[in-house]
Amino acid sequence: MRKPAPKGPRTAPATRKPAAARPATGSARPTASARPATGSARSSSASRPSSISRPSSGPATRSASGAPTRRPVIDKTRPAAKQAPRKAATPRPGGTSPRPPQAGQERLQKILAAAGIDSRRACEQIILDGRVQVNGKTVAELGARADPRRDEITVDLIPIHKEAPVYILMNKPKGYVTTVKDDQGRPTVMALLKGVPGRLYPVGRLDFNSEGLLLMTNDGALAQVLMGPEHEIPKVYLVKVHRTPKPELLKEFEAGFLLSGRRLKPCHIEIAEKGDNPWLKVTLTEGKNQQIRRMFAAVGHPVSKLRRVQFGPLSDPLLKPGAWRFLHPQEIAAIKSL
């Protein structure tokens, strides 16, 4: 027996809540969409798909005109980051990201230095000048890598070859430039080397009018260490100056002399031979351009003669000016241990 509906004014709501959201009660009347199909259902309902099988984009609502509308479905079980479309990757400025170094590859300047072309720092400038080719293509940027065993590397279109390391101690005389080539046509220390295989280059500098010990090698890695100011390789010079400097001035040099607005590293100075124009023994741990000549000239004691007598652990008082010799194994081990 059907229960009578309560009396009172009836008002039609603007929208009807979805059937799934209304709580089920014993007095609630099942809707047509929720009512299961029975054998007494009309034939028209069998041919027409029911609201259950119809794809839904959201719970059904009704507009003011009575037409059903659909709300967009928001899946709350999935994180919001996964529902948002991914942005395309922004390309890095200047092209693609650099490739990671492969096995067997080394920096190009290191390969050139190991092949005896020049020191590593000088090889960097050779690369920047566009004189290096790898597999027929010119490389003019630092940081480029190559495999010396597989790639064809040339300098000025001449193939390089890894040479056996050579270490030579030379007593440089006056009148020679400590470079491989000179733009002014002056003689270089390379003219003093005869019959030496490989391409050697000097480590460090001695100016045109200076003389003394000079290391020549094709070991670029060792040359980089010996010339680096951070390693503070000691170098000893005999310097003949005009008039004897005062002790206060020598102490100022030893404390760190201010030259051209820059503070030099402390150096050790002692008098090796007294006289009106004495010989001084100067030990430096840095090698600024003509440093000794400039700092003594700045205080009124110009240098007339300068001779390097020791380079790190290397010394040979019997080596005559213009002569050279190969280093002994003990000497090679000593300079490599610095």
Protein backbone atom coordinates (compact mmCIF):
# COMPACT_ATOMS: atom_id res chain seq x y z
CA MET A 1 0.00 0.00 0.00
CA ARG A 2 1.46 3.39 -1.09
CA LYS A 3 2.14 5.91 1.65
CA PRO A 4 0.44 9.25 1.04
CA ALA A 5 2.70 12.22 0.32
CA PRO A 6 2.86 14.96 2.97
CA LYS A 7 0.69 17.98 2.44
CA GLY A 8 2.07 21.41 1.89
CA PRO A 9 3.17 23.74 -0.86
CA ARG A 10 5.43 22.17 -3.42
CA THR A 11 8.35 24.08 -4.88
CA ALA A 12 10.37 22.77 -7.76
CA PRO A 13 14.12 23.13 -7.16
CA ALA A 14 16.20 24.78 -9.87
CA THR A 15 18.50 21.79 -10.06
CA ARG A 16 18.11 18.24 -8.97
CA LYS A 17 20.86 16.47 -7.14
CA PRO A 18 22.33 13.40 -8.78
CA ALA A 19 20.70 10.13 -7.83
CA ALA A 20 24.02 8.79 -6.56
CA ALA A 21 24.39 11.71 -4.14
CA ARG A 22 20.89 11.27 -2.52
CA PRO A 23 20.83 8.95 0.44
CA ALA A 24 18.70 5.88 -0.09
CA THR A 25 15.69 5.56 2.26
CA GLY A 26 12.91 3.09 2.54
CA SER A 27 10.36 5.66 1.38
CA ALA A 28 12.49 6.86 -1.57
CA ARG A 29 11.18 5.94 -4.92
CA PRO A 30 13.71 4.45 -7.35
CA THR A 31 14.25 6.49 -10.46
CA ALA A 32 13.90 5.16 -13.93
CA SER A 33 17.65 5.22 -14.51
CA ALA A 34 18.36 3.26 -11.34
CA ARG A 35 15.46 0.80 -11.82
CA PRO A 36 16.70 -2.54 -13.18
CA ALA A 37 15.38 -3.68 -16.52
CA THR A 38 12.69 -6.37 -16.33
CA GLY A 39 10.88 -8.46 -18.80
CA SER A 40 7.91 -6.07 -18.65
CA ALA A 41 10.05 -3.16 -19.90
CA ARG A 42 8.96 -1.55 -23.10
CA SER A 43 10.53 -2.55 -26.34
CA SER A 44 11.54 1.04 -26.99
CA SER A 45 13.69 1.03 -23.87
CA ALA A 46 15.52 -2.09 -25.04
CA SER A 47 16.54 -0.46 -28.31
CA ARG A 48 17.52 2.81 -26.64
CA PRO A 49 20.65 2.74 -24.45
CA SER A 50 19.98 3.42 -20.84
CA SER A 51 21.56 6.20 -18.87
CA ILE A 52 23.80 3.67 -17.09
CA SER A 53 25.61 2.54 -20.23
CA ARG A 54 25.85 6.05 -21.61
CA PRO A 55 29.34 7.57 -21.24
CA SER A 56 29.29 10.29 -18.68
CA SER A 57 31.63 13.24 -18.30
CA GLY A 58 30.25 14.13 -14.91
CA PRO A 59 27.18 14.09 -12.70
CA ALA A 60 24.03 15.22 -14.42
CA THR A 61 22.42 18.54 -13.56
CA ARG A 62 19.55 20.46 -15.06
CA SER A 63 19.62 24.00 -16.29
CA ALA A 64 16.88 26.52 -15.66
CA SER A 65 15.17 25.44 -18.87
CA GLY A 66 15.15 21.82 -17.72
CA ALA A 67 17.78 20.56 -20.22
CA PRO A 68 20.32 18.21 -18.67
CA THR A 69 23.92 19.45 -18.51
CA ARG A 70 27.16 17.75 -17.52
CA ARG A 71 29.90 18.91 -15.20
CA PRO A 72 33.55 18.23 -16.11
CA VAL A 73 34.99 15.26 -14.29
CA ILE A 74 37.99 15.92 -12.01
CA ASP A 75 39.81 12.79 -10.98
CA LYS A 76 40.81 13.42 -7.39
CA THR A 77 42.69 10.14 -7.13
CA ARG A 78 45.45 11.34 -9.51
CA PRO A 79 47.94 14.04 -8.55
CA ALA A 80 47.35 17.41 -10.17
CA ALA A 81 50.87 17.44 -11.64
CA LYS A 82 50.12 14.34 -13.71
CA GLN A 83 46.89 15.77 -15.08
CA ALA A 84 48.51 18.99 -16.30
CA PRO A 85 50.15 18.76 -19.72
CA ARG A 86 53.92 18.73 -19.68
CA LYS A 87 55.75 21.72 -21.05
CA ALA A 88 58.21 21.25 -23.83
CA ALA A 89 61.84 21.40 -22.77
CA THR A 90 63.37 24.81 -23.40
CA PRO A 91 66.54 24.53 -25.48
CA ARG A 92 69.72 25.81 -23.88
CA PRO A 93 71.07 29.06 -25.32
CA GLY A 94 73.83 28.58 -27.84
CA GLY A 95 72.77 25.14 -28.98
CA THR A 96 72.62 21.73 -27.42
CA SER A 97 74.24 20.75 -24.16
CA PRO A 98 77.88 19.61 -24.39
CA ARG A 99 78.48 15.93 -24.76
CA PRO A 100 80.09 14.13 -21.86
CA PRO A 101 83.70 13.07 -22.47
CA GLN A 102 84.06 9.59 -23.86
CA ALA A 103 86.59 6.99 -22.76
CA GLY A 104 90.05 7.69 -24.12
CA GLN A 105 89.41 11.36 -24.88
CA GLU A 106 91.62 14.11 -23.49
CA ARG A 107 91.70 17.87 -23.74
CA LEU A 108 93.25 18.97 -26.99
CA GLN A 109 95.84 21.27 -25.39
CA LYS A 110 97.01 18.39 -23.19
CA ILE A 111 97.45 16.14 -26.24
CA LEU A 112 99.45 18.81 -28.06
CA ALA A 113 101.69 19.42 -25.05
CA ALA A 114 102.31 15.69 -24.63
CA ALA A 115 103.29 15.51 -28.30
CA GLY A 116 105.96 18.16 -27.75
CA ILE A 117 104.29 20.97 -29.68
CA ASP A 118 104.73 23.49 -26.87
CA SER A 119 103.77 24.09 -23.26
CA ARG A 120 100.12 23.59 -22.40
CA ARG A 121 99.50 27.30 -22.06
CA ALA A 122 101.11 27.98 -25.43
CA CYS A 123 99.08 25.13 -26.97
CA GLU A 124 95.89 26.84 -25.79
CA GLN A 125 96.85 29.89 -27.82
CA ILE A 126 97.68 27.69 -30.82
CA ILE A 127 94.13 26.28 -30.62
CA LEU A 128 92.58 29.75 -30.35
CA ASP A 129 94.58 30.84 -33.42
CA GLY A 130 92.80 28.15 -35.46
CA ARG A 131 95.95 26.18 -36.25
CA VAL A 132 94.71 22.80 -34.99
CA GLN A 133 92.64 20.32 -36.99
CA VAL A 134 90.91 17.17 -35.73
CA ASN A 135 89.90 14.70 -38.45
CA GLY A 136 90.21 17.45 -41.05
CA LYS A 137 88.08 20.03 -39.18
CA THR A 138 89.59 23.11 -37.59
CA VAL A 139 89.07 23.38 -33.83
CA ALA A 140 89.41 26.91 -32.43
CA GLU A 141 87.83 26.64 -28.98
CA LEU A 142 89.23 25.53 -25.65
CA GLY A 143 87.68 22.55 -23.94
CA ALA A 144 87.55 20.45 -27.10
CA ARG A 145 88.51 16.81 -26.63
CA ALA A 146 89.95 14.15 -28.87
CA ASP A 147 91.30 10.62 -28.73
CA PRO A 148 95.01 10.65 -29.63
CA ARG A 149 94.87 6.94 -30.52
CA ARG A 150 91.95 7.18 -32.96
CA ASP A 151 91.60 10.79 -34.12
CA GLU A 152 93.88 12.39 -36.67
CA ILE A 153 95.24 15.56 -35.06
CA THR A 154 97.32 18.06 -37.03
CA VAL A 155 98.92 21.43 -36.31
CA ASP A 156 99.23 23.62 -39.39
CA LEU A 157 98.11 20.52 -41.33
CA ILE A 158 101.16 18.56 -40.03
CA PRO A 159 100.24 15.38 -38.10
CA ILE A 160 101.44 15.18 -34.52
CA HIS A 161 103.11 12.15 -33.02
CA LYS A 162 103.56 11.37 -29.37
CA GLU A 163 107.26 11.45 -28.73
CA ALA A 164 109.38 9.99 -25.99
CA PRO A 165 109.98 12.59 -23.26
CA VAL A 166 113.28 14.48 -23.52
CA TYR A 167 114.84 16.57 -20.73
CA ILE A 168 117.84 18.81 -21.44
CA LEU A 169 119.72 21.26 -19.23
CA MET A 170 121.25 24.17 -21.16
CA ASN A 171 123.50 27.03 -20.11
CA LYS A 172 122.03 29.87 -22.13
CA PRO A 173 124.54 32.54 -23.22
CA LYS A 174 123.80 36.21 -23.87
CA GLY A 175 122.36 37.23 -27.21
CA TYR A 176 119.71 34.50 -27.52
CA VAL A 177 115.96 34.70 -27.11
CA THR A 178 114.26 32.09 -24.93
CA THR A 179 111.56 31.19 -27.45
CA VAL A 180 111.05 28.70 -30.26
CA LYS A 181 110.61 31.47 -32.87
CA ASP A 182 111.27 35.19 -32.85
CA ASP A 183 109.32 37.71 -34.94
CA GLN A 184 112.30 40.09 -35.02
CA GLY A 185 114.65 37.49 -36.48
CA ARG A 186 116.90 37.27 -33.43
CA PRO A 187 118.64 33.95 -32.69
CA THR A 188 116.76 31.65 -30.34
CA VAL A 189 117.94 28.95 -27.97
CA MET A 190 116.70 26.38 -30.48
CA ALA A 191 119.74 27.20 -32.62
CA LEU A 192 121.98 25.80 -29.86
CA LEU A 193 120.34 22.36 -30.03
CA LYS A 194 121.74 20.14 -32.77
CA GLY A 195 120.96 16.51 -33.34
CA VAL A 196 118.21 16.36 -30.72
CA PRO A 197 115.13 14.37 -31.82
CA GLY A 198 111.67 15.73 -31.23
CA ARG A 199 110.30 19.22 -30.83
CA LEU A 200 111.55 20.81 -27.62
CA TYR A 201 110.71 24.14 -26.03
CA PRO A 202 112.16 26.12 -23.11
CA VAL A 203 110.59 26.06 -19.66
CA GLY A 204 110.42 29.59 -18.32
CA ARG A 205 112.22 32.62 -19.64
CA LEU A 206 115.62 34.28 -19.54
CA ASP A 207 115.78 37.65 -21.28
CA PHE A 208 118.05 38.46 -24.21
CA ASN A 209 120.93 39.83 -22.09
CA SER A 210 120.69 37.22 -19.30
CA GLU A 211 122.43 33.88 -19.11
CA GLY A 212 122.26 30.73 -17.06
CA LEU A 213 120.52 27.42 -16.66
CA LEU A 214 117.49 26.65 -18.79
CA LEU A 215 115.42 23.48 -18.95
CA MET A 216 114.36 22.26 -22.40
CA THR A 217 111.77 19.50 -22.74
CA ASN A 218 108.79 18.19 -24.69
CA ASP A 219 106.95 17.14 -21.51
CA GLY A 220 104.09 19.63 -21.47
CA ALA A 221 102.59 18.40 -18.21
CA LEU A 222 105.88 18.87 -16.35
CA ALA A 223 106.45 22.27 -17.93
CA GLN A 224 103.02 23.39 -16.71
CA VAL A 225 103.94 22.45 -13.14
CA LEU A 226 107.38 24.08 -13.23
CA MET A 227 106.04 27.36 -14.65
CA GLY A 228 102.95 27.59 -12.45
CA PRO A 229 103.32 30.37 -9.85
CA GLU A 230 101.29 28.38 -7.32
CA HIS A 231 104.04 25.74 -7.09
CA GLU A 232 106.71 28.32 -6.12
CA ILE A 233 109.68 26.53 -7.68
CA PRO A 234 112.82 28.26 -6.32
CA LYS A 235 115.21 29.80 -8.84
CA VAL A 236 118.62 31.16 -7.80
CA TYR A 237 120.41 34.02 -9.63
CA LEU A 238 123.78 35.73 -9.36
CA VAL A 239 123.20 39.43 -9.95
CA LYS A 240 125.81 42.14 -10.33
CA VAL A 241 124.43 45.57 -9.39
CA HIS A 242 125.71 49.13 -9.36
CA ARG A 243 126.81 50.04 -5.82
CA THR A 244 125.98 48.08 -2.71
CA PRO A 245 122.35 48.32 -1.58
CA LYS A 246 121.69 49.25 2.02
CA PRO A 247 120.64 46.48 4.42
CA GLU A 248 117.27 48.20 4.92
CA LEU A 249 116.60 47.91 1.19
CA LEU A 250 117.49 44.23 1.15
CA LYS A 251 115.07 43.64 4.03
CA GLU A 252 112.36 45.41 2.05
CA PHE A 253 112.95 43.05 -0.86
CA GLU A 254 112.80 40.07 1.46
CA ALA A 255 109.51 41.27 2.97
CA GLY A 256 107.83 41.69 -0.42
CA PHE A 257 108.71 44.67 -2.62
CA LEU A 258 105.97 46.86 -4.11
CA LEU A 259 106.64 47.11 -7.86
CA SER A 260 104.35 48.94 -10.29
CA GLY A 261 101.53 48.84 -7.77
CA ARG A 262 101.78 45.08 -7.17
CA ARG A 263 103.27 43.34 -4.18
CA LEU A 264 105.94 40.82 -5.13
CA LYS A 265 106.43 37.60 -3.24
CA PRO A 266 109.21 37.67 -0.64
CA CYS A 267 112.65 36.77 -1.96
CA HIS A 268 115.91 35.92 -0.25
CA ILE A 269 118.98 38.11 -0.96
CA GLU A 270 122.54 37.81 0.32
CA ILE A 271 125.85 39.30 -0.76
CA ALA A 272 127.86 36.70 -2.70
CA GLU A 273 130.89 38.90 -3.52
CA LYS A 274 131.64 42.31 -2.03
CA GLY A 275 132.94 45.27 -3.99
CA ASP A 276 131.95 48.63 -5.43
CA ASN A 277 129.63 46.74 -7.76
CA PRO A 278 128.87 43.59 -5.74
CA TRP A 279 127.43 40.25 -6.78
CA LEU A 280 124.19 39.38 -5.00
CA LYS A 281 122.63 35.94 -4.67
CA VAL A 282 118.87 36.28 -5.23
CA THR A 283 116.36 33.46 -4.74
CA LEU A 284 112.90 33.91 -6.29
CA THR A 285 109.80 31.76 -6.13
CA GLU A 286 108.01 33.64 -8.91
CA GLY A 287 109.09 34.79 -12.33
CA LYS A 288 107.65 38.13 -13.40
CA ASN A 289 108.93 39.61 -16.64
CA GLN A 290 112.46 40.94 -15.94
CA GLN A 291 111.56 41.07 -12.25
CA ILE A 292 115.09 41.32 -10.85
CA ARG A 293 116.19 44.01 -13.29
CA ARG A 294 113.08 46.08 -12.70
CA MET A 295 113.06 45.98 -8.90
CA PHE A 296 116.77 46.91 -8.57
CA ALA A 297 116.42 49.67 -11.18
CA ALA A 298 113.45 51.08 -9.22
CA VAL A 299 115.70 51.70 -6.16
CA GLY A 300 118.72 53.09 -8.02
CA HIS A 301 120.85 49.94 -8.32
CA PRO A 302 120.69 48.91 -11.99
CA VAL A 303 121.74 45.38 -12.93
CA SER A 304 124.76 44.95 -15.20
CA LYS A 305 124.94 41.14 -15.24
CA LEU A 306 122.44 38.39 -14.44
CA ARG A 307 123.05 34.66 -14.41
CA ARG A 308 120.75 31.86 -13.27
CA VAL A 309 122.71 29.20 -11.41
CA GLN A 310 119.93 26.94 -10.14
CA PHE A 311 116.47 25.93 -11.37
CA GLY A 312 114.60 23.98 -8.71
CA PRO A 313 116.89 21.03 -7.86
CA LEU A 314 118.93 21.44 -11.08
CA SER A 315 122.40 23.00 -11.01
CA ASP A 316 125.68 22.44 -12.86
CA PRO A 317 128.57 24.88 -12.33
CA LEU A 318 130.71 22.99 -14.87
CA LEU A 319 128.28 23.49 -17.78
CA LYS A 320 129.78 26.17 -20.06
CA PRO A 321 127.70 28.89 -21.74
CA GLY A 322 126.13 27.57 -24.95
CA ALA A 323 126.55 23.92 -23.89
CA TRP A 324 123.80 21.49 -22.94
CA ARG A 325 123.35 17.92 -21.71
CA PHE A 326 120.59 15.40 -21.04
CA LEU A 327 119.32 15.14 -17.50
CA HIS A 328 120.32 12.16 -15.40
CA PRO A 329 117.53 9.82 -14.20
CA GLN A 330 117.99 11.11 -10.65
CA GLU A 331 117.49 14.70 -11.86
CA ILE A 332 114.36 13.75 -13.80
CA ALA A 333 112.93 12.08 -10.72
CA ALA A 334 113.78 15.15 -8.65
CA ILE A 335 111.98 17.65 -10.88
CA LYS A 336 108.98 15.37 -11.26
CA SER A 337 108.64 15.17 -7.49
CA LEU A 338 108.11 18.94 -7.18
